[in-house]
Amino acid sequence: MKNAHHVIPSADGSWNVRRSGAARASRRFDSQADAIRYATDKARKAQGELYIHRRDGVVVGRDSFGPAR
């Protein structure tokens, strides 16, 4: 899904927000909470999906911001 945003861990201990299909992260954060706030806003504006990963890569949270029906 093109409008999906992922909060993923970085090797240096920071957290990245990356859009599905992107080669690089759109932003880097020191805390997962800050990355989640940013990614939630981006996913909401794009009417897309949000996936939150933990340090081992497993998805632990998901939210959808598609158009209301």
PDB file of N, CA and C in Angstrom:
ATOM      1  N   MET A   1       0.846  -1.179   0.000  1.00  0.00           N
ATOM      2  CA  MET A   1       0.000   0.000   0.000  1.00  0.00           C
ATOM      3  C   MET A   1       0.884   1.233   0.000  1.00  0.00           C
ATOM      4  N   LYS A   2       0.659   2.115  -0.931  1.00  0.00           N
ATOM      5  CA  LYS A   2       1.490   3.303  -1.106  1.00  0.00           C
ATOM      6  C   LYS A   2       1.360   4.295   0.044  1.00  0.00           C
ATOM      7  N   ASN A   3       0.209   4.402   0.643  1.00  0.00           N
ATOM      8  CA  ASN A   3      -0.015   5.379   1.711  1.00  0.00           C
ATOM      9  C   ASN A   3       0.243   4.816   3.099  1.00  0.00           C
ATOM     10  N   ALA A   4       1.023   3.760   3.187  1.00  0.00           N
ATOM     11  CA  ALA A   4       1.336   3.178   4.494  1.00  0.00           C
ATOM     12  C   ALA A   4       2.627   3.786   5.031  1.00  0.00           C
ATOM     13  N   HIS A   5       2.619   4.095   6.312  1.00  0.00           N
ATOM     14  CA  HIS A   5       3.792   4.628   6.998  1.00  0.00           C
ATOM     15  C   HIS A   5       4.189   3.647   8.099  1.00  0.00           C
ATOM     16  N   HIS A   6       5.494   3.395   8.198  1.00  0.00           N
ATOM     17  CA  HIS A   6       6.016   2.433   9.161  1.00  0.00           C
ATOM     18  C   HIS A   6       6.937   3.142  10.144  1.00  0.00           C
ATOM     19  N   VAL A   7       6.783   2.834  11.424  1.00  0.00           N
ATOM     20  CA  VAL A   7       7.708   3.283  12.460  1.00  0.00           C
ATOM     21  C   VAL A   7       8.620   2.095  12.713  1.00  0.00           C
ATOM     22  N   ILE A   8       9.902   2.249  12.329  1.00  0.00           N
ATOM     23  CA  ILE A   8      10.833   1.126  12.392  1.00  0.00           C
ATOM     24  C   ILE A   8      12.100   1.510  13.161  1.00  0.00           C
ATOM     25  N   PRO A   9      12.723   0.522  13.808  1.00  0.00           N
ATOM     26  CA  PRO A   9      13.954   0.810  14.538  1.00  0.00           C
ATOM     27  C   PRO A   9      15.127   0.984  13.590  1.00  0.00           C
ATOM     28  N   SER A  10      16.091   1.755  14.024  1.00  0.00           N
ATOM     29  CA  SER A  10      17.323   1.959  13.271  1.00  0.00           C
ATOM     30  C   SER A  10      18.459   1.268  14.013  1.00  0.00           C
ATOM     31  N   ALA A  11      19.516   0.934  13.299  1.00  0.00           N
ATOM     32  CA  ALA A  11      20.654   0.241  13.904  1.00  0.00           C
ATOM     33  C   ALA A  11      21.337   1.069  14.989  1.00  0.00           C
ATOM     34  N   ASP A  12      21.223   2.397  14.911  1.00  0.00           N
ATOM     35  CA  ASP A  12      21.894   3.255  15.897  1.00  0.00           C
ATOM     36  C   ASP A  12      21.046   3.505  17.146  1.00  0.00           C
ATOM     37  N   GLY A  13      19.892   2.841  17.238  1.00  0.00           N
ATOM     38  CA  GLY A  13      19.038   2.993  18.423  1.00  0.00           C
ATOM     39  C   GLY A  13      17.939   4.024  18.264  1.00  0.00           C
ATOM     40  N   SER A  14      17.931   4.741  17.169  1.00  0.00           N
ATOM     41  CA  SER A  14      16.874   5.726  16.925  1.00  0.00           C
ATOM     42  C   SER A  14      15.684   5.035  16.240  1.00  0.00           C
ATOM     43  N   TRP A  15      14.668   5.822  15.915  1.00  0.00           N
ATOM     44  CA  TRP A  15      13.469   5.308  15.254  1.00  0.00           C
ATOM     45  C   TRP A  15      13.248   6.092  13.967  1.00  0.00           C
ATOM     46  N   ASN A  16      12.895   5.371  12.908  1.00  0.00           N
ATOM     47  CA  ASN A  16      12.659   5.991  11.612  1.00  0.00           C
ATOM     48  C   ASN A  16      11.201   5.858  11.209  1.00  0.00           C
ATOM     49  N   VAL A  17      10.751   6.824  10.436  1.00  0.00           N
ATOM     50  CA  VAL A  17       9.439   6.737   9.794  1.00  0.00           C
ATOM     51  C   VAL A  17       9.718   6.582   8.313  1.00  0.00           C
ATOM     52  N   ARG A  18       9.192   5.510   7.742  1.00  0.00           N
ATOM     53  CA  ARG A  18       9.416   5.228   6.331  1.00  0.00           C
ATOM     54  C   ARG A  18       8.094   4.916   5.655  1.00  0.00           C
ATOM     55  N   ARG A  19       7.886   5.493   4.517  1.00  0.00           N
ATOM     56  CA  ARG A  19       6.697   5.219   3.726  1.00  0.00           C
ATOM     57  C   ARG A  19       6.902   3.918   2.961  1.00  0.00           C
ATOM     58  N   SER A  20       5.880   3.127   2.795  1.00  0.00           N
ATOM     59  CA  SER A  20       5.994   1.860   2.070  1.00  0.00           C
ATOM     60  C   SER A  20       6.560   2.107   0.680  1.00  0.00           C
ATOM     61  N   GLY A  21       7.531   1.303   0.318  1.00  0.00           N
ATOM     62  CA  GLY A  21       8.148   1.407  -0.997  1.00  0.00           C
ATOM     63  C   GLY A  21       9.305   2.381  -1.070  1.00  0.00           C
ATOM     64  N   ALA A  22       9.511   3.168  -0.038  1.00  0.00           N
ATOM     65  CA  ALA A  22      10.596   4.152  -0.040  1.00  0.00           C
ATOM     66  C   ALA A  22      11.923   3.474   0.287  1.00  0.00           C
ATOM     67  N   ALA A  23      12.977   3.954  -0.328  1.00  0.00           N
ATOM     68  CA  ALA A  23      14.308   3.407  -0.083  1.00  0.00           C
ATOM     69  C   ALA A  23      14.909   3.953   1.209  1.00  0.00           C
ATOM     70  N   ARG A  24      14.505   5.174   1.573  1.00  0.00           N
ATOM     71  CA  ARG A  24      15.062   5.806   2.768  1.00  0.00           C
ATOM     72  C   ARG A  24      13.945   6.274   3.681  1.00  0.00           C
ATOM     73  N   ALA A  25      14.304   6.488   4.926  1.00  0.00           N
ATOM     74  CA  ALA A  25      13.343   7.007   5.906  1.00  0.00           C
ATOM     75  C   ALA A  25      13.051   8.473   5.604  1.00  0.00           C
ATOM     76  N   SER A  26      11.827   8.885   5.898  1.00  0.00           N
ATOM     77  CA  SER A  26      11.475  10.292   5.704  1.00  0.00           C
ATOM     78  C   SER A  26      11.944  11.145   6.871  1.00  0.00           C
ATOM     79  N   ARG A  27      12.038  10.526   8.060  1.00  0.00           N
ATOM     80  CA  ARG A  27      12.520  11.242   9.250  1.00  0.00           C
ATOM     81  C   ARG A  27      13.053  10.295  10.283  1.00  0.00           C
ATOM     82  N   ARG A  28      13.970  10.779  11.112  1.00  0.00           N
ATOM     83  CA  ARG A  28      14.565  10.006  12.195  1.00  0.00           C
ATOM     84  C   ARG A  28      14.243  10.675  13.515  1.00  0.00           C
ATOM     85  N   PHE A  29      13.962   9.859  14.541  1.00  0.00           N
ATOM     86  CA  PHE A  29      13.608  10.373  15.867  1.00  0.00           C
ATOM     87  C   PHE A  29      14.395   9.633  16.931  1.00  0.00           C
ATOM     88  N   ASP A  30      14.644  10.313  18.040  1.00  0.00           N
ATOM     89  CA  ASP A  30      15.332   9.683  19.166  1.00  0.00           C
ATOM     90  C   ASP A  30      14.414   8.754  19.947  1.00  0.00           C
ATOM     91  N   SER A  31      13.113   9.045  19.956  1.00  0.00           N
ATOM     92  CA  SER A  31      12.177   8.201  20.706  1.00  0.00           C
ATOM     93  C   SER A  31      11.106   7.625  19.783  1.00  0.00           C
ATOM     94  N   GLN A  32      10.638   6.451  20.138  1.00  0.00           N
ATOM     95  CA  GLN A  32       9.572   5.816  19.372  1.00  0.00           C
ATOM     96  C   GLN A  32       8.283   6.630  19.469  1.00  0.00           C
ATOM     97  N   ALA A  33       8.019   7.220  20.617  1.00  0.00           N
ATOM     98  CA  ALA A  33       6.796   8.012  20.812  1.00  0.00           C
ATOM     99  C   ALA A  33       6.756   9.195  19.845  1.00  0.00           C
ATOM    100  N   ASP A  34       7.880   9.880  19.672  1.00  0.00           N
ATOM    101  CA  ASP A  34       7.931  11.006  18.734  1.00  0.00           C
ATOM    102  C   ASP A  34       7.713  10.528  17.302  1.00  0.00           C
ATOM    103  N   ALA A  35       8.307   9.388  16.962  1.00  0.00           N
ATOM    104  CA  ALA A  35       8.138   8.827  15.620  1.00  0.00           C
ATOM    105  C   ALA A  35       6.682   8.435  15.377  1.00  0.00           C
ATOM    106  N   ILE A  36       6.025   7.889  16.380  1.00  0.00           N
ATOM    107  CA  ILE A  36       4.621   7.484  16.242  1.00  0.00           C
ATOM    108  C   ILE A  36       3.737   8.712  16.036  1.00  0.00           C
ATOM    109  N   ARG A  37       3.977   9.780  16.791  1.00  0.00           N
ATOM    110  CA  ARG A  37       3.180  11.011  16.616  1.00  0.00           C
ATOM    111  C   ARG A  37       3.316  11.551  15.196  1.00  0.00           C
ATOM    112  N   TYR A  38       4.542  11.610  14.692  1.00  0.00           N
ATOM    113  CA  TYR A  38       4.791  12.112  13.343  1.00  0.00           C
ATOM    114  C   TYR A  38       4.133  11.208  12.294  1.00  0.00           C
ATOM    115  N   ALA A  39       4.336   9.892  12.414  1.00  0.00           N
ATOM    116  CA  ALA A  39       3.794   8.946  11.444  1.00  0.00           C
ATOM    117  C   ALA A  39       2.272   8.925  11.462  1.00  0.00           C
ATOM    118  N   THR A  40       1.672   9.078  12.629  1.00  0.00           N
ATOM    119  CA  THR A  40       0.211   9.125  12.738  1.00  0.00           C
ATOM    120  C   THR A  40      -0.332  10.318  11.970  1.00  0.00           C
ATOM    121  N   ASP A  41       0.302  11.457  12.134  1.00  0.00           N
ATOM    122  CA  ASP A  41      -0.118  12.664  11.418  1.00  0.00           C
ATOM    123  C   ASP A  41       0.013  12.468   9.904  1.00  0.00           C
ATOM    124  N   LYS A  42       1.128  11.907   9.454  1.00  0.00           N
ATOM    125  CA  LYS A  42       1.338  11.674   8.020  1.00  0.00           C
ATOM    126  C   LYS A  42       0.317  10.680   7.464  1.00  0.00           C
ATOM    127  N   ALA A  43       0.070   9.591   8.182  1.00  0.00           N
ATOM    128  CA  ALA A  43      -0.883   8.579   7.716  1.00  0.00           C
ATOM    129  C   ALA A  43      -2.304   9.143   7.677  1.00  0.00           C
ATOM    130  N   ARG A  44      -2.641   9.950   8.672  1.00  0.00           N
ATOM    131  CA  ARG A  44      -3.966  10.562   8.714  1.00  0.00           C
ATOM    132  C   ARG A  44      -4.166  11.493   7.511  1.00  0.00           C
ATOM    133  N   LYS A  45      -3.179  12.322   7.226  1.00  0.00           N
ATOM    134  CA  LYS A  45      -3.274  13.253   6.094  1.00  0.00           C
ATOM    135  C   LYS A  45      -3.336  12.522   4.758  1.00  0.00           C
ATOM    136  N   ALA A  46      -2.653  11.383   4.663  1.00  0.00           N
ATOM    137  CA  ALA A  46      -2.638  10.603   3.429  1.00  0.00           C
ATOM    138  C   ALA A  46      -3.800   9.623   3.342  1.00  0.00           C
ATOM    139  N   GLN A  47      -4.623   9.571   4.393  1.00  0.00           N
ATOM    140  CA  GLN A  47      -5.715   8.603   4.503  1.00  0.00           C
ATOM    141  C   GLN A  47      -5.187   7.188   4.253  1.00  0.00           C
ATOM    142  N   GLY A  48      -4.104   6.877   4.946  1.00  0.00           N
ATOM    143  CA  GLY A  48      -3.436   5.593   4.751  1.00  0.00           C
ATOM    144  C   GLY A  48      -3.380   4.755   6.007  1.00  0.00           C
ATOM    145  N   GLU A  49      -2.377   3.920   6.058  1.00  0.00           N
ATOM    146  CA  GLU A  49      -2.187   2.975   7.150  1.00  0.00           C
ATOM    147  C   GLU A  49      -0.952   3.348   7.966  1.00  0.00           C
ATOM    148  N   LEU A  50      -0.958   2.961   9.222  1.00  0.00           N
ATOM    149  CA  LEU A  50       0.177   3.147  10.106  1.00  0.00           C
ATOM    150  C   LEU A  50       0.549   1.793  10.689  1.00  0.00           C
ATOM    151  N   TYR A  51       1.841   1.445  10.613  1.00  0.00           N
ATOM    152  CA  TYR A  51       2.352   0.206  11.187  1.00  0.00           C
ATOM    153  C   TYR A  51       3.463   0.565  12.161  1.00  0.00           C
ATOM    154  N   ILE A  52       3.377   0.058  13.377  1.00  0.00           N
ATOM    155  CA  ILE A  52       4.372   0.316  14.404  1.00  0.00           C
ATOM    156  C   ILE A  52       5.108  -0.993  14.680  1.00  0.00           C
ATOM    157  N   HIS A  53       6.425  -0.955  14.510  1.00  0.00           N
ATOM    158  CA  HIS A  53       7.274  -2.125  14.712  1.00  0.00           C
ATOM    159  C   HIS A  53       8.018  -1.984  16.036  1.00  0.00           C
ATOM    160  N   ARG A  54       8.339  -3.097  16.654  1.00  0.00           N
ATOM    161  CA  ARG A  54       9.198  -3.040  17.839  1.00  0.00           C
ATOM    162  C   ARG A  54      10.639  -3.299  17.392  1.00  0.00           C
ATOM    163  N   ARG A  55      11.566  -3.297  18.319  1.00  0.00           N
ATOM    164  CA  ARG A  55      12.999  -3.380  17.977  1.00  0.00           C
ATOM    165  C   ARG A  55      13.367  -4.614  17.149  1.00  0.00           C
ATOM    166  N   ASP A  56      12.653  -5.724  17.325  1.00  0.00           N
ATOM    167  CA  ASP A  56      12.980  -6.930  16.554  1.00  0.00           C
ATOM    168  C   ASP A  56      12.259  -6.977  15.204  1.00  0.00           C
ATOM    169  N   GLY A  57      11.529  -5.920  14.864  1.00  0.00           N
ATOM    170  CA  GLY A  57      10.864  -5.825  13.568  1.00  0.00           C
ATOM    171  C   GLY A  57       9.432  -6.296  13.522  1.00  0.00           C
ATOM    172  N   VAL A  58       8.954  -6.939  14.576  1.00  0.00           N
ATOM    173  CA  VAL A  58       7.585  -7.444  14.611  1.00  0.00           C
ATOM    174  C   VAL A  58       6.605  -6.273  14.721  1.00  0.00           C
ATOM    175  N   VAL A  59       5.537  -6.316  13.923  1.00  0.00           N
ATOM    176  CA  VAL A  59       4.515  -5.276  13.980  1.00  0.00           C
ATOM    177  C   VAL A  59       3.698  -5.466  15.255  1.00  0.00           C
ATOM    178  N   VAL A  60       3.651  -4.419  16.088  1.00  0.00           N
ATOM    179  CA  VAL A  60       2.914  -4.501  17.348  1.00  0.00           C
ATOM    180  C   VAL A  60       1.704  -3.573  17.381  1.00  0.00           C
ATOM    181  N   GLY A  61       1.581  -2.744  16.360  1.00  0.00           N
ATOM    182  CA  GLY A  61       0.436  -1.846  16.305  1.00  0.00           C
ATOM    183  C   GLY A  61       0.119  -1.477  14.872  1.00  0.00           C
ATOM    184  N   ARG A  62      -1.163  -1.252  14.628  1.00  0.00           N
ATOM    185  CA  ARG A  62      -1.602  -0.906  13.281  1.00  0.00           C
ATOM    186  C   ARG A  62      -2.834  -0.027  13.401  1.00  0.00           C
ATOM    187  N   ASP A  63      -2.930   0.964  12.521  1.00  0.00           N
ATOM    188  CA  ASP A  63      -4.110   1.795  12.502  1.00  0.00           C
ATOM    189  C   ASP A  63      -4.400   2.186  11.065  1.00  0.00           C
ATOM    190  N   SER A  64      -5.665   2.433  10.776  1.00  0.00           N
ATOM    191  CA  SER A  64      -6.088   2.797   9.435  1.00  0.00           C
ATOM    192  C   SER A  64      -6.800   4.137   9.469  1.00  0.00           C
ATOM    193  N   PHE A  65      -6.453   5.001   8.546  1.00  0.00           N
ATOM    194  CA  PHE A  65      -7.042   6.332   8.483  1.00  0.00           C
ATOM    195  C   PHE A  65      -7.704   6.591   7.147  1.00  0.00           C
ATOM    196  N   GLY A  66      -8.332   5.571   6.593  1.00  0.00           N
ATOM    197  CA  GLY A  66      -8.996   5.695   5.301  1.00  0.00           C
ATOM    198  C   GLY A  66     -10.201   6.606   5.388  1.00  0.00           C
ATOM    199  N   PRO A  67     -10.768   6.934   4.230  1.00  0.00           N
ATOM    200  CA  PRO A  67     -11.950   7.811   4.216  1.00  0.00           C
ATOM    201  C   PRO A  67     -13.132   7.183   4.943  1.00  0.00           C
ATOM    202  N   ALA A  68     -13.921   8.005   5.599  1.00  0.00           N
ATOM    203  CA  ALA A  68     -15.097   7.523   6.327  1.00  0.00           C
ATOM    204  C   ALA A  68     -16.135   6.992   5.331  1.00  0.00           C
ATOM    205  N   ARG A  69     -16.828   5.981   5.768  1.00  0.00           N
ATOM    206  CA  ARG A  69     -17.860   5.404   4.890  1.00  0.00           C
ATOM    207  C   ARG A  69     -19.225   5.814   5.343  1.00  0.00           C
TER     208      ARG A  69
END
